[in-house]
Amino acid sequence: MKSVLVTAGATMVPIDNVRAITNIFKGRTGANIARHFAQQGWDVTLITSNPSLSEGKSTGNMSIVPYHTYDELFSAMQLRICPEAKYDAIIHSAAVSDYRVEGTYVYKPQAGMQPVDSKGKIPSSFEELFLRLLPTRKIIDLIREPWGYKGYLTKFKLQTMMDDSQLLKIAEESRVHSKAEMIVANCLEWSNERAFVITEGRAVSVARANLPESILKEMGL
């Protein structure tokens, strides 16, 4: 039986113990992909921030691993990919945070930026707060090296406000950079309608509803 690891959903990066930064994505695409592969007889591991999308709908050959934060997704993937990845394919569709919160600050005219204790709940009495954001590690770019995965890798790319030719150029560059065999690309403005499934020398526009079977077909595994 072939096996696939699918990631889905959004990551959170905490500001304090009760607040976090996240994004708008729910993980429906990844859940649909995981379900389709399971229905085709694949052994599926779905790492998702929204396991409720698959509850009662998964087959016996799908295992679900929940996460909430960026760090939890990072650890879950690293644990399953290193040191011996058993997966024939990895489909990394999760919407991963690009930035983490390095610190929270308040500005004082005589002293400049001063850190605010964020170990608990930051008080709501501040008139103004500043967050310092630093880039997270790109998980997709760790899968080949240093994690050492050798199987079929699919990456996702979302852009905004660009035409198809621009999107295809950026997506292909991104695919090559991450050493992925496939990248699925779309723009937010029409992401519910269609997507491009891109492999080396080939780009296919598919209806969003047909994306799971198109990915499996284009993989050719």
C-alpha atoms as a PDB file:
ATOM      1  CA  MET A   1       0.000   0.000   0.000  1.00  0.00           C
ATOM      2  CA  LYS A   2       1.334   3.427  -0.937  1.00  0.00           C
ATOM      3  CA  SER A   3       1.507   6.038   1.814  1.00  0.00           C
ATOM      4  CA  VAL A   4       1.137   9.822   1.869  1.00  0.00           C
ATOM      5  CA  LEU A   5       1.600  12.552   4.472  1.00  0.00           C
ATOM      6  CA  VAL A   6      -0.785  15.500   4.009  1.00  0.00           C
ATOM      7  CA  THR A   7      -0.670  18.757   5.978  1.00  0.00           C
ATOM      8  CA  ALA A   8      -3.681  21.050   6.193  1.00  0.00           C
ATOM      9  CA  GLY A   9      -4.987  24.114   7.954  1.00  0.00           C
ATOM     10  CA  ALA A  10      -3.467  27.215   9.519  1.00  0.00           C
ATOM     11  CA  THR A  11      -0.764  27.670  12.121  1.00  0.00           C
ATOM     12  CA  MET A  12      -0.926  30.049  15.061  1.00  0.00           C
ATOM     13  CA  VAL A  13       1.989  31.955  16.554  1.00  0.00           C
ATOM     14  CA  PRO A  14       1.318  33.036  20.137  1.00  0.00           C
ATOM     15  CA  ILE A  15       1.471  36.635  21.343  1.00  0.00           C
ATOM     16  CA  ASP A  16       0.804  35.655  24.968  1.00  0.00           C
ATOM     17  CA  ASN A  17      -0.986  32.775  26.661  1.00  0.00           C
ATOM     18  CA  VAL A  18      -4.411  33.712  25.260  1.00  0.00           C
ATOM     19  CA  ARG A  19      -3.722  35.655  22.050  1.00  0.00           C
ATOM     20  CA  ALA A  20      -2.216  34.547  18.756  1.00  0.00           C
ATOM     21  CA  ILE A  21      -1.703  35.522  15.113  1.00  0.00           C
ATOM     22  CA  THR A  22      -3.097  33.158  12.511  1.00  0.00           C
ATOM     23  CA  ASN A  23      -4.572  33.279   9.003  1.00  0.00           C
ATOM     24  CA  ILE A  24      -7.904  32.729   7.289  1.00  0.00           C
ATOM     25  CA  PHE A  25      -7.453  29.156   6.050  1.00  0.00           C
ATOM     26  CA  LYS A  26      -9.368  26.215   7.515  1.00  0.00           C
ATOM     27  CA  GLY A  27      -7.737  23.146   5.961  1.00  0.00           C
ATOM     28  CA  ARG A  28     -10.586  22.045   3.694  1.00  0.00           C
ATOM     29  CA  THR A  29      -8.305  21.536   0.690  1.00  0.00           C
ATOM     30  CA  GLY A  30      -5.904  19.295   2.583  1.00  0.00           C
ATOM     31  CA  ALA A  31      -8.764  17.351   4.159  1.00  0.00           C
ATOM     32  CA  ASN A  32     -10.306  16.723   0.734  1.00  0.00           C
ATOM     33  CA  ILE A  33      -6.961  15.618  -0.685  1.00  0.00           C
ATOM     34  CA  ALA A  34      -6.358  13.255   2.231  1.00  0.00           C
ATOM     35  CA  ARG A  35      -9.845  11.768   1.904  1.00  0.00           C
ATOM     36  CA  HIS A  36      -9.459  11.207  -1.842  1.00  0.00           C
ATOM     37  CA  PHE A  37      -6.109   9.443  -1.435  1.00  0.00           C
ATOM     38  CA  ALA A  38      -7.567   7.264   1.320  1.00  0.00           C
ATOM     39  CA  GLN A  39     -10.509   6.350  -0.913  1.00  0.00           C
ATOM     40  CA  GLN A  40      -8.024   5.309  -3.593  1.00  0.00           C
ATOM     41  CA  GLY A  41      -6.399   2.870  -1.195  1.00  0.00           C
ATOM     42  CA  TRP A  42      -3.475   4.937   0.085  1.00  0.00           C
ATOM     43  CA  ASP A  43      -2.368   4.859   3.705  1.00  0.00           C
ATOM     44  CA  VAL A  44      -2.839   8.499   4.758  1.00  0.00           C
ATOM     45  CA  THR A  45      -1.459  10.555   7.623  1.00  0.00           C
ATOM     46  CA  LEU A  46      -3.268  13.898   7.858  1.00  0.00           C
ATOM     47  CA  ILE A  47      -1.659  16.562  10.053  1.00  0.00           C
ATOM     48  CA  THR A  48      -4.322  19.221  10.446  1.00  0.00           C
ATOM     49  CA  SER A  49      -5.328  22.208  12.552  1.00  0.00           C
ATOM     50  CA  ASN A  50      -8.992  21.371  11.921  1.00  0.00           C
ATOM     51  CA  PRO A  51      -9.561  17.647  12.555  1.00  0.00           C
ATOM     52  CA  SER A  52     -13.327  18.178  12.740  1.00  0.00           C
ATOM     53  CA  LEU A  53     -13.368  18.407   8.925  1.00  0.00           C
ATOM     54  CA  SER A  54     -12.410  14.736   8.746  1.00  0.00           C
ATOM     55  CA  GLU A  55     -14.232  13.333  11.753  1.00  0.00           C
ATOM     56  CA  GLY A  56     -16.738  10.719  10.666  1.00  0.00           C
ATOM     57  CA  LYS A  57     -15.559  11.004   7.053  1.00  0.00           C
ATOM     58  CA  SER A  58     -12.174   9.306   7.147  1.00  0.00           C
ATOM     59  CA  THR A  59     -11.590   5.720   6.172  1.00  0.00           C
ATOM     60  CA  GLY A  60      -9.769   3.075   8.167  1.00  0.00           C
ATOM     61  CA  ASN A  61      -6.516   3.820   6.363  1.00  0.00           C
ATOM     62  CA  MET A  62      -6.340   7.477   7.472  1.00  0.00           C
ATOM     63  CA  SER A  63      -4.763   8.626  10.732  1.00  0.00           C
ATOM     64  CA  ILE A  64      -5.305  12.213  11.910  1.00  0.00           C
ATOM     65  CA  VAL A  65      -2.726  14.209  13.844  1.00  0.00           C
ATOM     66  CA  PRO A  66      -3.993  17.537  15.254  1.00  0.00           C
ATOM     67  CA  TYR A  67      -1.923  20.668  15.781  1.00  0.00           C
ATOM     68  CA  HIS A  68      -2.551  24.314  16.622  1.00  0.00           C
ATOM     69  CA  THR A  69       0.684  26.298  16.533  1.00  0.00           C
ATOM     70  CA  TYR A  70       3.563  26.637  14.104  1.00  0.00           C
ATOM     71  CA  ASP A  71       5.851  24.858  16.561  1.00  0.00           C
ATOM     72  CA  GLU A  72       3.424  21.943  16.882  1.00  0.00           C
ATOM     73  CA  LEU A  73       3.221  21.511  13.110  1.00  0.00           C
ATOM     74  CA  PHE A  74       7.009  21.749  12.823  1.00  0.00           C
ATOM     75  CA  SER A  75       7.504  19.068  15.467  1.00  0.00           C
ATOM     76  CA  ALA A  76       4.815  16.766  14.071  1.00  0.00           C
ATOM     77  CA  MET A  77       6.336  16.861  10.593  1.00  0.00           C
ATOM     78  CA  GLN A  78       9.923  16.524  11.737  1.00  0.00           C
ATOM     79  CA  LEU A  79       9.020  13.534  13.918  1.00  0.00           C
ATOM     80  CA  ARG A  80       7.351  11.713  11.042  1.00  0.00           C
ATOM     81  CA  ILE A  81       9.814  12.589   8.297  1.00  0.00           C
ATOM     82  CA  CYS A  82      13.079  12.134  10.226  1.00  0.00           C
ATOM     83  CA  PRO A  83      15.104  10.044  10.229  1.00  0.00           C
ATOM     84  CA  GLU A  84      13.354   7.483   8.015  1.00  0.00           C
ATOM     85  CA  ALA A  85      10.473   8.831   5.939  1.00  0.00           C
ATOM     86  CA  LYS A  86       8.222   5.946   4.971  1.00  0.00           C
ATOM     87  CA  TYR A  87       5.949   8.054   2.770  1.00  0.00           C
ATOM     88  CA  ASP A  88       5.763   7.659  -0.986  1.00  0.00           C
ATOM     89  CA  ALA A  89       4.484  11.251  -1.174  1.00  0.00           C
ATOM     90  CA  ILE A  90       4.227  14.359   0.976  1.00  0.00           C
ATOM     91  CA  ILE A  91       1.586  16.984   0.139  1.00  0.00           C
ATOM     92  CA  HIS A  92       2.277  20.118   2.163  1.00  0.00           C
ATOM     93  CA  SER A  93      -0.868  22.212   1.814  1.00  0.00           C
ATOM     94  CA  ALA A  94      -0.918  23.775   5.296  1.00  0.00           C
ATOM     95  CA  ALA A  95      -0.927  27.577   5.407  1.00  0.00           C
ATOM     96  CA  VAL A  96       2.170  28.070   7.539  1.00  0.00           C
ATOM     97  CA  SER A  97       2.915  31.291   9.406  1.00  0.00           C
ATOM     98  CA  ASP A  98       5.641  33.338   7.743  1.00  0.00           C
ATOM     99  CA  TYR A  99       6.450  35.249  10.940  1.00  0.00           C
ATOM    100  CA  ARG A 100       6.652  34.540  14.651  1.00  0.00           C
ATOM    101  CA  VAL A 101       6.298  36.997  17.525  1.00  0.00           C
ATOM    102  CA  GLU A 102       9.737  37.755  18.970  1.00  0.00           C
ATOM    103  CA  GLY A 103       8.396  40.141  21.578  1.00  0.00           C
ATOM    104  CA  THR A 104       5.755  42.656  22.599  1.00  0.00           C
ATOM    105  CA  TYR A 105       6.751  46.223  23.399  1.00  0.00           C
ATOM    106  CA  VAL A 106       5.434  49.528  24.653  1.00  0.00           C
ATOM    107  CA  TYR A 107       6.969  52.836  23.579  1.00  0.00           C
ATOM    108  CA  LYS A 108       8.106  55.235  26.286  1.00  0.00           C
ATOM    109  CA  PRO A 109       9.240  58.688  25.090  1.00  0.00           C
ATOM    110  CA  GLN A 110      12.239  58.843  27.399  1.00  0.00           C
ATOM    111  CA  ALA A 111      13.344  55.223  27.049  1.00  0.00           C
ATOM    112  CA  GLY A 112      12.188  54.030  23.625  1.00  0.00           C
ATOM    113  CA  MET A 113      10.759  50.558  23.129  1.00  0.00           C
ATOM    114  CA  GLN A 114      10.413  48.591  26.339  1.00  0.00           C
ATOM    115  CA  PRO A 115       9.462  44.887  26.494  1.00  0.00           C
ATOM    116  CA  VAL A 116       6.142  43.816  27.947  1.00  0.00           C
ATOM    117  CA  ASP A 117       5.897  40.597  29.940  1.00  0.00           C
ATOM    118  CA  SER A 118       3.967  38.136  27.753  1.00  0.00           C
ATOM    119  CA  LYS A 119       4.389  34.996  29.857  1.00  0.00           C
ATOM    120  CA  GLY A 120       0.776  35.242  30.971  1.00  0.00           C
ATOM    121  CA  LYS A 121      -1.966  37.487  29.585  1.00  0.00           C
ATOM    122  CA  ILE A 122      -0.846  40.947  28.538  1.00  0.00           C
ATOM    123  CA  PRO A 123      -3.095  43.523  30.253  1.00  0.00           C
ATOM    124  CA  SER A 124      -5.640  45.284  28.067  1.00  0.00           C
ATOM    125  CA  SER A 125      -4.870  48.647  29.685  1.00  0.00           C
ATOM    126  CA  PHE A 126      -2.107  49.651  27.278  1.00  0.00           C
ATOM    127  CA  GLU A 127      -3.075  52.420  24.869  1.00  0.00           C
ATOM    128  CA  GLU A 128      -0.613  51.113  22.287  1.00  0.00           C
ATOM    129  CA  LEU A 129       1.458  47.959  21.840  1.00  0.00           C
ATOM    130  CA  PHE A 130       4.090  46.966  19.287  1.00  0.00           C
ATOM    131  CA  LEU A 131       4.891  43.458  18.107  1.00  0.00           C
ATOM    132  CA  ARG A 132       8.288  42.495  16.751  1.00  0.00           C
ATOM    133  CA  LEU A 133       7.904  39.803  14.085  1.00  0.00           C
ATOM    134  CA  LEU A 134      10.741  37.661  12.782  1.00  0.00           C
ATOM    135  CA  PRO A 135      10.602  35.135   9.922  1.00  0.00           C
ATOM    136  CA  THR A 136       9.832  31.521  10.743  1.00  0.00           C
ATOM    137  CA  ARG A 137      11.838  28.690   9.238  1.00  0.00           C
ATOM    138  CA  LYS A 138      10.317  27.561   5.944  1.00  0.00           C
ATOM    139  CA  ILE A 139       9.196  24.032   6.734  1.00  0.00           C
ATOM    140  CA  ILE A 140       8.843  23.113   3.059  1.00  0.00           C
ATOM    141  CA  ASP A 141      12.527  23.904   2.536  1.00  0.00           C
ATOM    142  CA  LEU A 142      13.609  21.547   5.335  1.00  0.00           C
ATOM    143  CA  ILE A 143      11.880  18.460   3.968  1.00  0.00           C
ATOM    144  CA  ARG A 144      14.630  17.559   1.502  1.00  0.00           C
ATOM    145  CA  GLU A 145      17.546  18.810   3.560  1.00  0.00           C
ATOM    146  CA  PRO A 146      18.228  18.463   6.414  1.00  0.00           C
ATOM    147  CA  TRP A 147      15.313  16.055   6.965  1.00  0.00           C
ATOM    148  CA  GLY A 148      16.416  13.884   4.065  1.00  0.00           C
ATOM    149  CA  TYR A 149      13.097  13.024   2.402  1.00  0.00           C
ATOM    150  CA  LYS A 150      13.574  11.339  -0.992  1.00  0.00           C
ATOM    151  CA  GLY A 151       9.994  10.707  -2.141  1.00  0.00           C
ATOM    152  CA  TYR A 152       7.502  12.752  -4.159  1.00  0.00           C
ATOM    153  CA  LEU A 153       7.023  16.256  -2.733  1.00  0.00           C
ATOM    154  CA  THR A 154       4.116  18.593  -3.484  1.00  0.00           C
ATOM    155  CA  LYS A 155       4.173  22.231  -2.418  1.00  0.00           C
ATOM    156  CA  PHE A 156       1.374  24.821  -2.366  1.00  0.00           C
ATOM    157  CA  LYS A 157       1.707  28.488  -3.329  1.00  0.00           C
ATOM    158  CA  LEU A 158      -0.865  31.251  -2.837  1.00  0.00           C
ATOM    159  CA  GLN A 159      -0.435  34.731  -4.296  1.00  0.00           C
ATOM    160  CA  THR A 160      -2.693  37.765  -4.708  1.00  0.00           C
ATOM    161  CA  MET A 161      -3.446  40.238  -7.488  1.00  0.00           C
ATOM    162  CA  MET A 162      -1.385  38.895 -10.381  1.00  0.00           C
ATOM    163  CA  ASP A 163      -2.131  37.431 -13.766  1.00  0.00           C
ATOM    164  CA  ASP A 164      -1.662  33.784 -14.670  1.00  0.00           C
ATOM    165  CA  SER A 165       1.699  34.251 -16.374  1.00  0.00           C
ATOM    166  CA  GLN A 166       3.165  35.964 -13.312  1.00  0.00           C
ATOM    167  CA  LEU A 167       1.762  33.300 -11.023  1.00  0.00           C
ATOM    168  CA  LEU A 168       3.135  30.459 -13.126  1.00  0.00           C
ATOM    169  CA  LYS A 169       6.611  32.029 -13.215  1.00  0.00           C
ATOM    170  CA  ILE A 170       6.720  32.576  -9.452  1.00  0.00           C
ATOM    171  CA  ALA A 171       5.299  29.121  -8.769  1.00  0.00           C
ATOM    172  CA  GLU A 172       7.846  27.339 -10.949  1.00  0.00           C
ATOM    173  CA  GLU A 173      10.705  29.216  -9.294  1.00  0.00           C
ATOM    174  CA  SER A 174       9.275  28.268  -5.910  1.00  0.00           C
ATOM    175  CA  ARG A 175       8.940  24.602  -6.914  1.00  0.00           C
ATOM    176  CA  VAL A 176      12.561  24.431  -8.014  1.00  0.00           C
ATOM    177  CA  HIS A 177      13.783  26.262  -4.907  1.00  0.00           C
ATOM    178  CA  SER A 178      12.117  23.711  -2.608  1.00  0.00           C
ATOM    179  CA  LYS A 179      13.168  20.730  -4.771  1.00  0.00           C
ATOM    180  CA  ALA A 180       9.523  19.702  -5.126  1.00  0.00           C
ATOM    181  CA  GLU A 181       8.225  17.627  -8.015  1.00  0.00           C
ATOM    182  CA  MET A 182       4.886  19.456  -7.986  1.00  0.00           C
ATOM    183  CA  ILE A 183       3.465  22.791  -6.883  1.00  0.00           C
ATOM    184  CA  VAL A 184      -0.201  23.758  -6.667  1.00  0.00           C
ATOM    185  CA  ALA A 185      -0.652  27.491  -7.236  1.00  0.00           C
ATOM    186  CA  ASN A 186      -3.522  29.926  -7.216  1.00  0.00           C
ATOM    187  CA  CYS A 187      -4.477  33.490  -6.352  1.00  0.00           C
ATOM    188  CA  LEU A 188      -6.698  34.373  -3.427  1.00  0.00           C
ATOM    189  CA  GLU A 189      -9.154  36.217  -5.675  1.00  0.00           C
ATOM    190  CA  TRP A 190     -10.125  33.055  -7.558  1.00  0.00           C
ATOM    191  CA  SER A 191      -8.833  30.305  -5.270  1.00  0.00           C
ATOM    192  CA  ASN A 192     -12.316  28.849  -4.775  1.00  0.00           C
ATOM    193  CA  GLU A 193     -12.702  28.356  -8.523  1.00  0.00           C
ATOM    194  CA  ARG A 194      -9.515  26.807  -9.863  1.00  0.00           C
ATOM    195  CA  ALA A 195      -5.832  26.081  -9.338  1.00  0.00           C
ATOM    196  CA  PHE A 196      -2.744  25.305 -11.381  1.00  0.00           C
ATOM    197  CA  VAL A 197      -1.098  21.921 -10.887  1.00  0.00           C
ATOM    198  CA  ILE A 198       2.489  22.410 -12.021  1.00  0.00           C
ATOM    199  CA  THR A 199       5.217  19.850 -12.619  1.00  0.00           C
ATOM    200  CA  GLU A 200       8.468  20.224 -14.534  1.00  0.00           C
ATOM    201  CA  GLY A 201       7.556  21.485 -18.012  1.00  0.00           C
ATOM    202  CA  ARG A 202       3.810  21.144 -17.464  1.00  0.00           C
ATOM    203  CA  ALA A 203       1.068  23.341 -15.963  1.00  0.00           C
ATOM    204  CA  VAL A 204      -2.565  22.219 -15.856  1.00  0.00           C
ATOM    205  CA  SER A 205      -5.479  24.447 -14.841  1.00  0.00           C
ATOM    206  CA  VAL A 206      -8.062  22.454 -12.909  1.00  0.00           C
ATOM    207  CA  ALA A 207     -11.376  23.217 -11.250  1.00  0.00           C
ATOM    208  CA  ARG A 208     -11.045  23.467  -7.480  1.00  0.00           C
ATOM    209  CA  ALA A 209     -13.539  20.651  -6.998  1.00  0.00           C
ATOM    210  CA  ASN A 210     -11.324  18.347  -9.090  1.00  0.00           C
ATOM    211  CA  LEU A 211      -8.048  19.246  -7.382  1.00  0.00           C
ATOM    212  CA  PRO A 212      -7.528  16.053  -5.310  1.00  0.00           C
ATOM    213  CA  GLU A 213      -7.900  13.674  -8.271  1.00  0.00           C
ATOM    214  CA  SER A 214      -5.836  15.989 -10.497  1.00  0.00           C
ATOM    215  CA  ILE A 215      -2.960  15.962  -8.004  1.00  0.00           C
ATOM    216  CA  LEU A 216      -3.011  12.170  -7.829  1.00  0.00           C
ATOM    217  CA  LYS A 217      -3.191  11.853 -11.622  1.00  0.00           C
ATOM    218  CA  GLU A 218      -0.355  14.288 -12.287  1.00  0.00           C
ATOM    219  CA  MET A 219       1.837  12.609  -9.665  1.00  0.00           C
ATOM    220  CA  GLY A 220       1.705   9.417 -11.693  1.00  0.00           C
ATOM    221  CA  LEU A 221       2.465   7.174  -8.722  1.00  0.00           C
END
